[in-house]
Protein backbone atom coordinates (compact mmCIF):
# COMPACT_ATOMS: atom_id res chain seq x y z
CA MET A 1 44.78 -102.98 52.25
CA GLY A 2 42.62 -100.45 53.93
CA PHE A 3 39.07 -99.47 53.03
CA LEU A 4 38.49 -97.84 49.36
CA PRO A 5 35.53 -95.68 48.51
CA GLY A 6 33.22 -97.26 45.78
CA ARG A 7 31.57 -95.16 43.03
CA GLY A 8 29.14 -93.48 45.35
CA ALA A 9 32.03 -91.99 47.33
CA VAL A 10 33.70 -91.33 44.00
CA ARG A 11 30.73 -89.62 42.58
CA ARG A 12 30.32 -87.20 45.57
CA ARG A 13 34.00 -86.33 45.46
CA ASN A 14 34.04 -85.35 41.78
CA ARG A 15 30.53 -85.64 40.04
CA LYS A 16 32.24 -84.67 37.04
CA VAL A 17 34.41 -87.49 36.20
CA ALA A 18 33.45 -90.25 34.10
CA TYR A 19 33.06 -93.32 36.61
CA ASP A 20 33.98 -96.76 34.93
CA CYS A 21 36.84 -97.32 37.62
CA PRO A 22 37.50 -100.38 39.64
CA ILE A 23 35.67 -100.72 43.34
CA PHE A 24 38.24 -102.43 44.50
CA GLY A 25 41.79 -102.07 43.88
CA THR A 26 44.98 -100.14 45.54
CA ARG A 27 44.51 -96.32 46.39
CA GLN A 28 47.44 -95.52 43.89
CA MET A 29 45.52 -97.57 40.99
CA LEU A 30 42.28 -95.84 41.97
CA MET A 31 43.84 -92.52 42.20
CA LYS A 32 45.54 -92.91 38.78
CA CYS A 33 42.25 -93.95 37.17
CA VAL A 34 40.18 -90.77 38.68
CA SER A 35 43.37 -88.73 37.45
CA LYS A 36 43.05 -90.42 33.40
CA GLN A 37 39.25 -90.07 33.32
CA ALA A 38 39.81 -86.25 34.49
CA LEU A 39 42.32 -85.58 31.50
CA VAL A 40 39.77 -87.33 29.29
CA PHE A 41 37.10 -84.91 30.69
CA VAL A 42 38.97 -81.95 30.33
CA ALA A 43 40.17 -82.55 26.72
CA ALA A 44 36.77 -83.26 25.90
CA PHE A 45 35.55 -79.92 27.46
CA GLY A 46 38.06 -77.74 25.20
CA LEU A 47 36.90 -79.58 22.26
CA ALA A 48 33.35 -78.53 22.99
CA ALA A 49 34.26 -75.05 23.14
CA MET A 50 36.62 -74.59 20.25
CA LEU A 51 33.62 -76.01 18.14
CA GLY A 52 31.17 -73.55 20.05
CA ALA A 53 33.66 -70.52 19.35
CA CYS A 54 34.09 -71.60 15.63
CA GLN A 55 30.17 -71.98 15.20
CA GLN A 56 29.63 -68.43 16.53
CA GLN A 57 32.21 -67.01 14.53
CA ALA A 58 30.70 -68.54 11.36
CA GLU A 59 27.25 -67.29 12.42
CA SER A 60 28.48 -63.55 12.83
CA PRO A 61 31.32 -62.69 10.88
CA SER A 62 32.70 -59.43 11.27
CA LYS A 63 31.79 -56.73 8.63
CA ILE A 64 34.89 -54.91 6.97
CA GLU A 65 33.77 -52.17 4.89
CA SER A 66 36.40 -51.03 2.25
CA PRO A 67 37.49 -47.28 2.07
CA PRO A 68 35.63 -44.94 0.26
CA THR A 69 37.04 -44.01 -2.95
CA SER A 70 36.70 -40.36 -4.17
CA GLY A 71 33.89 -38.87 -6.26
CA ALA A 72 36.27 -38.74 -9.38
CA VAL A 73 37.86 -42.33 -9.27
CA SER A 74 34.46 -43.85 -8.76
CA ALA A 75 32.68 -41.63 -11.50
CA ALA A 76 31.94 -43.41 -14.91
CA ALA A 77 33.23 -42.02 -17.98
CA GLY A 78 31.71 -38.94 -19.08
CA GLU A 79 30.13 -37.19 -22.10
CA VAL A 80 32.63 -37.88 -25.53
CA VAL A 81 33.67 -34.26 -26.09
CA HIS A 82 35.99 -33.06 -29.15
CA LEU A 83 38.89 -30.85 -29.15
CA ALA A 84 39.27 -27.47 -30.89
CA PRO A 85 42.41 -25.19 -31.06
CA TYR A 86 42.64 -22.00 -28.96
CA THR A 87 44.72 -18.91 -28.89
CA GLN A 88 46.87 -18.41 -25.94
CA GLY A 89 46.18 -15.05 -24.40
CA SER A 90 46.57 -12.89 -20.96
CA TYR A 91 44.85 -14.74 -17.83
CA ALA A 92 44.29 -14.55 -13.98
CA PRO A 93 45.42 -17.61 -11.57
CA LEU A 94 42.64 -19.01 -10.26
CA ALA A 95 43.02 -21.55 -6.85
CA GLY A 96 40.69 -24.51 -6.05
CA CYS A 97 40.44 -26.96 -8.72
CA ASN A 98 42.17 -30.70 -9.10
CA LEU A 99 42.39 -32.65 -12.27
CA ASP A 100 42.85 -36.17 -10.03
CA VAL A 101 42.11 -38.97 -12.10
CA ILE A 102 43.18 -39.97 -15.63
CA ASN A 103 41.55 -43.01 -17.22
CA GLY A 104 40.98 -44.41 -13.78
CA SER A 105 44.03 -43.72 -12.22
CA VAL A 106 44.73 -41.47 -9.75
CA ALA A 107 46.95 -38.89 -11.71
CA GLY A 108 49.90 -36.89 -10.35
CA ALA A 109 53.04 -35.15 -10.96
CA SER A 110 54.50 -38.03 -13.24
CA PRO A 111 53.10 -38.20 -16.65
CA LEU A 112 50.30 -40.68 -17.68
CA LYS A 113 50.62 -42.50 -20.97
CA MET A 114 47.73 -42.62 -23.00
CA ALA A 115 46.66 -44.16 -26.37
CA ALA A 116 45.44 -41.90 -29.49
CA SER A 117 43.38 -44.58 -30.69
CA ASP A 118 41.52 -44.74 -27.32
CA ILE A 119 38.86 -42.50 -25.63
CA ASN A 120 40.54 -40.96 -22.71
CA THR A 121 38.71 -40.01 -19.62
CA PHE A 122 39.63 -37.34 -17.56
CA GLY A 123 37.86 -36.47 -13.91
CA GLY A 124 38.11 -33.80 -11.16
CA TRP A 125 36.69 -30.95 -9.86
CA ILE A 126 36.73 -27.08 -9.50
CA ASP A 127 35.19 -24.60 -7.44
CA VAL A 128 33.66 -21.75 -9.45
CA SER A 129 31.25 -20.69 -7.04
CA GLY A 130 32.44 -16.77 -7.07
CA LEU A 131 32.59 -16.75 -11.10
CA ALA A 132 29.15 -16.20 -12.75
CA ALA A 133 28.27 -17.61 -16.14
CA ALA A 134 31.24 -19.33 -15.95
CA ALA A 135 32.56 -21.57 -19.12
CA ILE A 136 34.87 -23.95 -18.04
CA TRP A 137 37.74 -25.70 -20.32
CA LEU A 138 40.09 -28.76 -20.08
CA ARG A 139 43.07 -27.69 -22.06
CA PHE A 140 46.08 -29.14 -23.55
CA ASP A 141 49.22 -27.27 -24.18
CA ALA A 142 51.84 -29.28 -26.55
CA ASP A 143 54.97 -29.13 -24.79
CA GLN A 144 56.56 -28.92 -28.55
CA GLY A 145 55.19 -26.95 -31.21
CA GLU A 146 52.31 -24.59 -31.45
CA ARG A 147 49.50 -27.09 -30.32
CA HIS A 148 46.97 -25.73 -28.28
CA LEU A 149 43.59 -27.61 -28.06
CA GLN A 150 40.52 -27.44 -25.55
CA GLY A 151 37.12 -29.41 -24.95
CA PRO A 152 34.22 -28.07 -22.62
CA VAL A 153 33.61 -29.70 -19.15
CA ARG A 154 30.26 -29.67 -17.71
CA LEU A 155 30.10 -30.36 -13.47
CA THR A 156 27.78 -33.16 -13.17
CA ILE A 157 29.11 -35.02 -10.03
CA ASP A 158 28.84 -34.63 -6.43
CA ARG A 159 31.87 -34.05 -4.81
CA PRO A 160 31.16 -34.27 -0.99
CA ASP A 161 34.85 -34.33 -0.01
CA VAL A 162 35.28 -31.11 -1.76
CA VAL A 163 32.44 -29.41 0.08
CA ALA A 164 34.27 -30.90 3.44
CA ALA A 165 37.34 -29.32 2.53
CA ARG A 166 35.85 -25.70 1.21
CA PRO A 167 32.51 -25.65 2.78
CA ALA A 168 31.64 -22.67 0.36
CA ALA A 169 32.07 -24.85 -2.67
CA PRO A 170 28.95 -26.41 -3.93
CA LEU A 171 28.32 -30.04 -3.82
CA VAL A 172 27.90 -30.39 -7.78
CA SER A 173 31.57 -29.48 -8.31
CA GLY A 174 32.84 -32.84 -10.00
CA PHE A 175 33.13 -33.71 -13.70
CA ALA A 176 34.36 -36.59 -16.09
CA VAL A 177 35.14 -35.70 -19.45
CA SER A 178 36.16 -38.38 -22.16
CA ILE A 179 38.14 -37.09 -25.06
CA ALA A 180 36.92 -38.56 -28.59
CA ALA A 181 39.14 -41.16 -30.12
CA GLY A 182 41.95 -39.42 -32.33
CA ALA A 183 41.06 -35.96 -31.11
CA LEU A 184 44.10 -35.82 -29.17
CA PRO A 185 47.46 -36.34 -31.42
CA ALA A 186 50.38 -37.96 -30.14
CA GLY A 187 52.59 -35.64 -28.34
CA ASN A 188 53.56 -34.90 -25.10
CA TYR A 189 50.86 -31.78 -23.14
CA HIS A 190 50.39 -30.13 -20.02
CA ALA A 191 46.84 -30.85 -19.05
CA TYR A 192 44.99 -27.98 -17.27
CA LEU A 193 41.45 -26.00 -16.74
CA ALA A 194 40.64 -22.81 -17.40
CA VAL A 195 37.81 -20.65 -16.96
CA GLN A 196 35.92 -18.23 -19.07
CA ALA A 197 33.83 -15.53 -16.81
CA GLY A 198 33.28 -11.77 -17.16
CA GLY A 199 35.43 -11.60 -20.25
CA VAL A 200 38.45 -12.81 -18.08
CA THR A 201 40.37 -16.01 -18.28
CA TYR A 202 41.27 -17.84 -15.33
CA ILE A 203 43.70 -20.62 -15.08
CA CYS A 204 43.65 -23.62 -12.38
CA ASP A 205 46.47 -25.65 -12.92
CA SER A 206 47.50 -28.66 -10.64
CA GLY A 207 50.58 -29.63 -12.67
CA ARG A 208 49.24 -32.69 -14.78
CA HIS A 209 51.23 -33.69 -18.00
CA VAL A 210 50.15 -36.79 -20.31
CA GLU A 211 52.10 -38.71 -22.71
CA VAL A 212 49.99 -39.62 -25.72
CA GLN A 213 51.30 -42.27 -27.92
CA SER A 214 50.35 -43.28 -31.27
C-alpha cells in the first residue's frame, strides 16, 4: 500500500468536490469516490442552472403582439339606416373603394348569407377626394326581378391603411352601415357603392354579393 493523499490534498486538487471520501484506502477506492462526488456536483449545478433559467423566463415573458386588423373589420356597427327604391340610369365608373366586411366577416367573391330579420352591417372605404359635395350610397340590386334599393353612407372611420396605399385619400374614408331589420327582403343581391356628385352618378364595384334568407 503506497502513500494516499488525505483530505487536504483532495481539497487542493479539486476544491469543488464534497469531501466525505475516506482518508485511508486504496487509490482505486479513493478515485472512485472522488469521481462519484464530482458527478453529484455536476448534476446539482445543472439543476440549479435549469431552475434559474425557468425563473428568469417566468419573470420576463416574451411579448407577443397580435397582428392589427383593418379599420373596417374592427369597427363597431354603424348607424341603422333604412333602404329606399331607386331608379337605375347611366353612370360613370369610379375606382378607389372596397366593401371589405359584412357582418364582421371579410367579404370576398363568394356570396355571404344573412337573415332578413337581422340588422346586417356593411363596412368598407371609398375615396371621394376628387368629387365635390359627394353623396354616397350603398346599393342592392336583386339578381332577379326589378328590386333596386339603396341607403345613405357617411364616412366616419379612420382608415390609415387606405392612406398608406393611396396617399391622396383622406384619413376618414371608412364607413360602417347597419341595414335595418326587414329592410332587405329575402333574395340574392349585388351590393356595391354609388356616388352622386355634380349631376353624375359614379359606381364603385368591388364585386360583392349577398344571399338574404327569410
